[in-house]
Protein backbone atom coordinates (compact mmCIF):
# COMPACT_ATOMS: atom_id res chain seq x y z
CA MET A 1 30.07 -8.21 -12.50
CA THR A 2 33.76 -7.82 -11.48
CA ASP A 3 35.45 -9.76 -8.69
CA ALA A 4 36.12 -6.56 -6.93
CA VAL A 5 32.34 -5.83 -6.71
CA ALA A 6 31.55 -9.44 -5.81
CA GLN A 7 33.90 -9.43 -2.89
CA LYS A 8 33.06 -5.96 -1.64
CA LYS A 9 33.13 -5.58 2.10
CA PHE A 10 32.53 -2.55 4.44
CA SER A 11 35.52 -2.72 6.72
CA CYS A 12 35.79 -0.67 9.95
CA PRO A 13 38.41 1.97 9.65
CA SER A 14 39.32 1.47 13.28
CA CYS A 15 39.69 -2.30 13.89
CA GLY A 16 39.23 -3.89 10.51
CA GLY A 17 36.05 -5.69 11.32
CA GLU A 18 33.08 -5.80 8.95
CA SER A 19 30.70 -2.95 9.55
CA GLN A 20 27.01 -3.82 9.68
CA TRP A 21 23.89 -1.79 8.82
CA ASN A 22 22.49 -0.37 12.07
CA PRO A 23 18.80 0.63 11.83
CA ALA A 24 18.89 2.79 15.04
CA LYS A 25 21.77 4.89 13.75
CA LYS A 26 20.87 4.58 10.06
CA ALA A 27 24.58 3.93 9.37
CA LEU A 28 27.16 1.21 8.85
CA VAL A 29 28.53 0.47 12.34
CA CYS A 30 31.27 -1.90 13.46
CA PRO A 31 29.74 -4.50 15.89
CA PHE A 32 33.13 -4.95 17.58
CA CYS A 33 34.27 -1.39 18.40
CA GLY A 34 31.18 0.75 17.58
CA THR A 35 32.89 2.85 15.01
CA VAL A 36 30.51 4.47 12.40
CA SER A 37 31.96 3.68 9.04
CA PRO A 38 32.61 6.51 6.53
CA ALA A 39 31.30 4.07 3.84
CA GLN A 40 27.93 5.31 4.93
CA ALA A 41 28.43 8.06 2.38
CA GLU A 42 28.33 5.32 -0.30
CA LEU A 43 24.73 4.42 0.74
CA SER A 44 23.32 7.96 0.45
CA THR A 45 21.43 8.95 -2.64
CA THR A 46 22.02 12.18 -4.49
CA GLY A 47 18.38 12.45 -5.68
CA ASP A 48 19.40 11.43 -9.24
CA GLU A 49 18.98 7.72 -8.71
CA VAL A 50 15.82 6.23 -10.31
CA ILE A 51 14.30 3.00 -9.13
CA VAL A 52 13.34 1.33 -12.56
CA GLU A 53 10.05 -0.24 -13.22
CA HIS A 54 10.73 -3.15 -15.55
CA ASP A 55 8.46 -4.05 -18.50
CA LEU A 56 6.78 -7.19 -17.49
CA ALA A 57 6.23 -8.77 -20.86
CA ALA A 58 9.93 -8.22 -21.86
CA ALA A 59 11.13 -9.64 -18.52
CA LEU A 60 9.03 -12.77 -18.86
CA ARG A 61 10.97 -13.51 -22.05
CA GLY A 62 14.24 -13.43 -20.15
CA ILE A 63 16.11 -11.80 -17.46
CA PRO A 64 19.59 -10.42 -18.41
CA ASP A 65 22.54 -11.79 -16.58
CA ALA A 66 23.63 -8.22 -15.63
CA GLN A 67 20.66 -8.08 -13.26
CA ARG A 68 21.76 -11.20 -11.33
CA GLY A 69 23.92 -11.64 -8.23
CA TRP A 70 24.17 -9.87 -4.86
CA GLN A 71 27.17 -7.48 -5.50
CA ALA A 72 28.79 -9.13 -2.59
CA ASN A 73 30.41 -12.44 -1.46
CA LYS A 74 27.42 -14.45 -0.13
CA THR A 75 26.69 -18.06 1.04
CA SER A 76 23.45 -19.77 0.46
CA VAL A 77 21.85 -22.66 2.50
CA LYS A 78 18.54 -24.45 2.14
CA CYS A 79 16.52 -25.60 5.15
CA GLN A 80 15.33 -29.18 4.76
CA SER A 81 12.47 -28.39 7.18
CA CYS A 82 10.72 -25.26 5.92
CA GLN A 83 12.55 -25.04 2.48
CA ALA A 84 13.59 -21.48 3.04
CA ILE A 85 16.78 -20.49 1.13
CA SER A 86 18.81 -18.13 3.23
CA VAL A 87 21.58 -15.91 1.85
CA PHE A 88 24.11 -14.41 4.30
CA ASP A 89 27.73 -13.01 4.52
CA ALA A 90 30.29 -15.62 3.53
CA ALA A 91 32.21 -15.18 6.80
CA ARG A 92 29.15 -16.31 8.92
CA VAL A 93 28.58 -19.92 9.78
CA GLY A 94 24.82 -20.86 9.59
CA GLN A 95 23.94 -23.31 12.28
CA ARG A 96 20.17 -22.93 12.55
CA CYS A 97 17.53 -21.80 10.11
CA ASP A 98 16.43 -18.21 11.05
CA PHE A 99 12.91 -19.05 9.89
CA CYS A 100 12.06 -22.22 11.75
CA GLY A 101 15.06 -22.99 13.99
CA SER A 102 15.93 -26.31 12.29
CA THR A 103 19.45 -27.41 12.24
CA ALA A 104 18.88 -29.41 8.95
CA LEU A 105 20.74 -26.91 6.67
CA VAL A 106 22.47 -28.00 3.51
CA PRO A 107 24.45 -25.87 0.97
CA TYR A 108 22.37 -24.52 -1.80
CA GLU A 109 24.03 -24.18 -5.24
CA GLU A 110 22.09 -22.17 -7.75
CA ILE A 111 22.14 -22.94 -11.33
CA LYS A 112 22.16 -19.26 -11.98
CA GLU A 113 22.65 -16.51 -9.39
CA ALA A 114 19.54 -14.94 -8.10
CA PHE A 115 17.86 -12.06 -9.92
CA ARG A 116 19.30 -9.11 -7.90
CA PRO A 117 16.86 -6.80 -6.22
CA GLU A 118 17.33 -3.29 -7.52
CA SER A 119 15.71 -1.57 -4.57
CA LEU A 120 15.00 -2.16 -0.96
CA LEU A 121 13.31 -0.81 2.15
CA PRO A 122 16.04 -0.31 4.84
CA MET A 123 15.58 -1.80 8.24
CA LYS A 124 14.22 1.06 10.41
CA ILE A 125 13.14 -0.52 13.73
CA ALA A 126 16.10 -1.22 16.15
CA GLU A 127 16.42 -4.61 17.85
CA ASN A 128 15.78 -3.21 21.45
CA GLN A 129 12.47 -1.81 20.23
CA ILE A 130 11.50 -5.14 18.77
CA ARG A 131 12.24 -7.07 21.89
CA ASP A 132 10.10 -4.62 23.90
CA ALA A 133 7.22 -4.90 21.39
CA ILE A 134 7.40 -8.70 21.48
CA ARG A 135 7.21 -8.76 25.30
CA GLN A 136 4.23 -6.45 25.30
CA TRP A 137 2.54 -8.52 22.58
CA TYR A 138 2.88 -11.75 24.60
CA GLY A 139 1.80 -9.96 27.68
CA SER A 140 -1.43 -9.02 26.02
CA ARG A 141 -2.14 -12.59 24.98
CA TRP A 142 -4.42 -13.74 27.78
CA PHE A 143 -4.71 -17.34 26.82
CA ALA A 144 -0.84 -17.72 26.31
CA PRO A 145 0.74 -20.07 28.95
CA ASN A 146 2.37 -18.13 31.77
CA LYS A 147 5.55 -20.12 31.24
CA LEU A 148 5.70 -18.74 27.68
CA LYS A 149 5.31 -15.12 28.79
CA HIS A 150 8.28 -15.39 31.13
CA ALA A 151 10.49 -17.41 28.79
CA ALA A 152 13.45 -15.68 27.20
CA LEU A 153 11.98 -15.99 23.73
CA THR A 154 13.26 -12.64 22.64
CA ASP A 155 16.78 -14.13 22.67
CA THR A 156 15.92 -15.87 19.43
CA VAL A 157 14.63 -12.79 17.48
CA LYS A 158 16.29 -12.35 14.09
CA GLY A 159 16.42 -9.41 11.68
CA LEU A 160 15.88 -10.49 8.10
CA TYR A 161 15.30 -9.14 4.56
CA ILE A 162 12.72 -11.06 2.68
CA PRO A 163 11.94 -10.91 -1.12
CA TYR A 164 8.87 -9.35 -2.68
CA TRP A 165 7.71 -8.60 -6.15
CA THR A 166 5.74 -5.41 -6.83
CA PHE A 167 3.55 -4.92 -9.94
CA ASP A 168 2.08 -1.87 -11.70
CA ALA A 169 -0.64 -1.90 -14.32
CA GLN A 170 -3.07 0.58 -16.06
CA VAL A 171 -6.41 -0.99 -16.38
CA HIS A 172 -9.54 -0.07 -18.46
CA ALA A 173 -12.57 -2.08 -17.50
CA ASP A 174 -16.01 -2.30 -19.20
CA TRP A 175 -18.73 -3.93 -17.10
CA THR A 176 -22.31 -5.03 -17.47
CA ALA A 177 -24.75 -6.19 -14.82
CA ASP A 178 -28.37 -6.44 -13.85
CA SER A 179 -29.25 -3.67 -11.39
CA GLY A 180 -31.88 -4.43 -8.84
CA TYR A 181 -34.25 -1.86 -7.40
CA TYR A 182 -36.40 -2.67 -4.33
CA TYR A 183 -40.06 -1.89 -4.26
CA TYR A 184 -42.91 -3.03 -2.02
CA GLU A 185 -46.23 -4.46 -2.63
CA THR A 186 -49.14 -4.94 -0.13
CA GLU A 187 -49.91 -8.56 0.38
CA THR A 188 -53.06 -10.00 2.11
CA TYR A 189 -52.76 -13.07 4.36
CA THR A 190 -54.56 -14.93 7.09
CA ASP A 191 -52.94 -15.16 10.41
CA GLN A 192 -52.91 -17.95 12.93
CA ASN A 193 -56.20 -16.79 14.38
CA GLY A 194 -57.98 -16.78 11.04
CA LYS A 195 -57.95 -12.96 10.71
CA THR A 196 -57.18 -11.27 7.47
CA GLN A 197 -54.02 -9.19 7.76
CA THR A 198 -51.84 -7.10 5.31
CA ARG A 199 -48.10 -6.83 5.08
CA GLN A 200 -45.50 -5.13 2.92
CA VAL A 201 -43.43 -7.63 0.75
CA GLN A 202 -40.20 -6.60 -0.84
CA ARG A 203 -39.82 -7.11 -4.55
CA ILE A 204 -36.96 -6.45 -6.97
CA ARG A 205 -37.23 -4.75 -10.34
CA TRP A 206 -34.31 -5.70 -12.62
CA GLU A 207 -32.84 -3.44 -15.23
CA PRO A 208 -29.67 -3.87 -17.35
CA SER A 209 -26.83 -1.48 -16.65
CA SER A 210 -23.29 -0.97 -17.94
CA GLY A 211 -20.32 1.23 -17.44
CA SER A 212 -16.55 1.54 -17.46
CA LEU A 213 -13.73 2.63 -15.25
CA ASN A 214 -9.97 3.33 -15.32
CA HIS A 215 -7.66 2.34 -12.49
CA PHE A 216 -3.93 2.36 -11.93
CA PHE A 217 -2.53 -0.43 -9.79
CA ASP A 218 0.57 0.84 -7.99
CA ASP A 219 3.05 -1.46 -6.28
CA GLU A 220 0.78 -4.31 -5.75
CA LEU A 221 2.79 -6.60 -3.43
CA VAL A 222 3.42 -10.29 -3.96
CA PRO A 223 5.65 -12.02 -1.27
CA ALA A 224 8.20 -14.37 -2.66
CA SER A 225 9.13 -15.96 0.74
CA ARG A 226 8.82 -19.54 1.71
CA GLY A 227 10.35 -19.04 5.19
CA VAL A 228 7.47 -16.88 6.57
CA GLN A 229 3.84 -17.86 6.63
CA PRO A 230 1.96 -15.87 3.95
CA GLU A 231 -1.03 -15.04 6.09
CA MET A 232 1.16 -13.41 8.68
CA LEU A 233 2.94 -11.34 6.03
CA ARG A 234 -0.46 -10.04 4.87
CA GLN A 235 -1.17 -8.98 8.49
CA ILE A 236 1.87 -6.89 8.82
CA GLU A 237 1.71 -5.25 5.37
CA PRO A 238 1.73 -2.68 3.90
CA PHE A 239 5.35 -1.91 3.32
CA PRO A 240 5.67 1.76 2.22
CA THR A 241 7.39 0.81 -1.00
CA THR A 242 6.19 3.48 -3.36
CA LYS A 243 8.06 6.43 -1.80
CA GLU A 244 10.46 4.90 0.72
CA LEU A 245 12.46 2.45 -1.39
CA VAL A 246 16.09 3.11 -1.93
CA PRO A 247 18.33 1.83 -4.65
CA TYR A 248 19.96 -1.53 -4.02
CA ASN A 249 23.32 -1.40 -2.18
CA SER A 250 24.87 -4.41 -0.55
CA GLY A 251 25.91 -2.22 2.37
CA TYR A 252 22.35 -2.19 3.66
CA LEU A 253 22.49 -6.02 3.87
CA SER A 254 25.92 -6.07 5.58
CA GLY A 255 25.42 -8.34 8.71
CA TRP A 256 21.86 -9.37 7.83
CA VAL A 257 20.39 -12.54 6.49
CA VAL A 258 18.52 -12.39 3.18
CA GLU A 259 16.03 -14.84 1.97
CA ARG A 260 16.26 -15.64 -1.80
CA TYR A 261 13.10 -15.53 -3.67
CA GLN A 262 11.38 -18.86 -4.25
CA ILE A 263 8.30 -17.67 -6.00
CA ASP A 264 9.59 -16.73 -9.52
CA LEU A 265 8.44 -13.83 -11.66
CA ILE A 266 6.04 -15.99 -13.71
CA ALA A 267 4.18 -17.33 -10.64
CA ALA A 268 4.22 -13.92 -8.95
CA ALA A 269 2.84 -12.23 -11.99
CA LYS A 270 0.05 -14.69 -12.18
CA ARG A 271 -0.84 -14.21 -8.64
CA ALA A 272 -0.69 -10.43 -9.00
CA ARG A 273 -3.04 -10.66 -11.96
CA GLU A 274 -5.58 -12.76 -9.96
CA GLU A 275 -5.47 -10.27 -7.09
CA MET A 276 -5.94 -7.37 -9.48
CA ASP A 277 -8.81 -9.08 -11.16
CA GLU A 278 -10.46 -9.65 -7.82
CA GLU A 279 -9.95 -6.09 -6.74
CA LEU A 280 -11.20 -4.76 -10.13
CA GLU A 281 -14.39 -6.80 -9.84
CA ARG A 282 -15.01 -5.14 -6.44
CA PHE A 283 -14.44 -1.73 -7.94
CA CYS A 284 -16.85 -2.45 -10.78
CA ALA A 285 -19.38 -3.91 -8.38
CA ALA A 286 -19.34 -0.65 -6.42
CA GLU A 287 -20.18 1.29 -9.67
CA VAL A 288 -23.36 -0.74 -10.36
CA PRO A 289 -26.41 1.39 -9.59
CA GLY A 290 -29.44 0.14 -7.68
CA ASP A 291 -30.06 -1.58 -4.31
CA THR A 292 -28.67 -5.00 -5.33
CA GLN A 293 -27.06 -6.68 -8.37
CA ARG A 294 -26.45 -9.80 -10.27
CA ASN A 295 -24.70 -11.25 -13.31
CA LEU A 296 -21.75 -8.77 -13.06
CA GLN A 297 -19.37 -9.26 -16.05
CA VAL A 298 -16.11 -7.44 -16.31
CA ASP A 299 -13.93 -7.14 -19.45
CA ALA A 300 -10.53 -5.73 -18.47
CA ASP A 301 -7.67 -4.44 -20.64
CA TYR A 302 -4.31 -4.31 -18.93
CA SER A 303 -1.59 -2.13 -20.27
CA GLY A 304 1.76 -0.62 -19.06
CA GLN A 305 2.53 -3.64 -16.95
CA THR A 306 5.82 -3.26 -14.90
CA PHE A 307 7.45 -4.88 -12.05
CA LYS A 308 10.16 -4.61 -9.44
CA HIS A 309 12.02 -7.09 -7.36
CA ILE A 310 12.63 -5.67 -3.85
CA LEU A 311 13.74 -6.62 -0.40
CA VAL A 312 11.71 -5.56 2.73
CA PRO A 313 12.86 -5.79 6.38
CA ILE A 314 11.25 -7.95 8.97
CA TRP A 315 12.06 -9.27 12.49
CA LEU A 316 11.16 -12.85 13.11
CA LEU A 317 10.75 -14.95 16.23
CA ALA A 318 10.59 -18.64 15.49
CA TYR A 319 10.40 -21.19 18.29
CA ASN A 320 9.10 -24.60 19.32
CA TYR A 321 6.54 -25.06 22.13
CA GLY A 322 5.68 -28.66 22.84
CA THR A 323 5.43 -30.41 19.50
CA SER A 324 4.42 -27.28 17.47
CA ASN A 325 6.34 -24.51 15.62
CA TYR A 326 5.30 -20.91 16.01
CA GLN A 327 6.33 -17.57 14.40
CA VAL A 328 5.95 -13.92 15.28
CA VAL A 329 6.67 -11.49 12.52
CA ILE A 330 7.23 -7.79 12.86
CA ASN A 331 7.47 -5.25 10.04
CA GLY A 332 10.90 -3.89 10.28
CA TYR A 333 9.89 -0.57 8.86
CA THR A 334 6.51 0.22 10.59
CA GLY A 335 6.62 -2.05 13.62
CA THR A 336 3.34 -3.82 12.93
CA ILE A 337 3.25 -7.27 14.59
CA ALA A 338 1.51 -10.51 13.91
CA GLY A 339 1.99 -14.03 15.05
CA LYS A 340 0.65 -17.27 16.57
CA TYR A 341 1.20 -18.56 20.01
CA PRO A 342 0.22 -21.75 22.00
CA LYS A 343 -2.91 -21.63 24.10
CA SER A 344 -3.13 -22.77 27.76
CA TRP A 345 -5.81 -25.39 28.10
CA VAL A 346 -6.09 -24.60 31.74
CA LYS A 347 -6.86 -20.90 31.01
CA ILE A 348 -9.38 -21.87 28.25
CA LEU A 349 -11.11 -24.27 30.72
CA PHE A 350 -11.40 -21.60 33.32
CA ALA A 351 -12.71 -19.09 30.70
CA VAL A 352 -15.47 -21.63 29.70
CA LEU A 353 -16.39 -22.46 33.25
CA ALA A 354 -16.58 -18.72 34.08
CA GLY A 355 -18.81 -18.12 31.00
CA LEU A 356 -21.15 -20.95 32.08
CA ALA A 357 -21.30 -19.63 35.64
CA ALA A 358 -22.19 -16.21 34.32
CA ILE A 359 -24.94 -17.64 32.17
CA GLY A 360 -26.18 -19.70 35.18
CA ILE A 361 -26.38 -16.70 37.36
CA PHE A 362 -28.15 -14.65 34.71
CA LEU A 363 -30.80 -17.39 34.30
CA LEU A 364 -31.20 -17.69 38.08
CA LEU A 365 -31.83 -14.08 38.44
CA ALA A 366 -34.17 -13.99 35.51
CA ASN A 367 -36.28 -16.82 36.90
CA ARG A 368 -36.69 -14.94 40.26
CA ARG A 369 -38.26 -11.89 38.56
């Protein structure tokens, strides 16, 4: 990678400031004078670009140096609180962690430059839309403290790109199981009054069964972020990666903070296989005939395993309330929102008292009948 590429910037043709990717205009725009940069043409695709799926087995043996680096001058810092590694434009001074708000940032020096993403999902939702969405989301949280709903939390919302791995695999699975078929027998018994009664009792007839299926796993997502809570990322997925990804270009990241992956390819591949195995077992279970089943055994053969390292956009609101940290995460492409928020004990108490009062009234009315 040449020095010219490593230092590449997208300068405004009017004032010389550094243009930034603007999701609302889908262009590089100068934040100082508003000029749309002609460098936008460099981000367009001709239709000839191909986003490469890399052979997983070969990659696990070693990642070539040509696929490392960011193609731009970047600075990395590591948060001592949440351990997220943030990568941003060298001219910016990082004062607080965009993921948790901590000021405990230290320079992060990599032994080798990060494995460069070869594709990304451009930020699509504009900041003003995100702020409105967050206000509406908090407004719909009934148990949130009133003080929180009126606080200027949206002032701390940040647009970020976070790392993901995607995995493809062709799988052939053979399965065996015991299929259970319900049938009923008439049983005679004596009731509490000493009378002889009959009833239908369910039984199960077990029969061996077997089968096979083929399935293609396409772009199974594994997040490689430490800065965002994994359960919230799962709530804002999916990211439409299969058709909407564009080839990597540092212009899309101009002005945005990027998190460096902290779950490496080996760990991500292991997690992807575990998730594929679980999903495959559910597929096979659905193939077993009968009313119920037991002893399902799946023998899977994986082939054509490939992967990509990509970046996806999110908007993140991280704040402290009392002694706790909270995050709200928004999918920067679809607008799906998820998050946690503090609960007002006063509102919870009133809700419990109202519930008890309703039960009391119901019982009172029932006793009068």
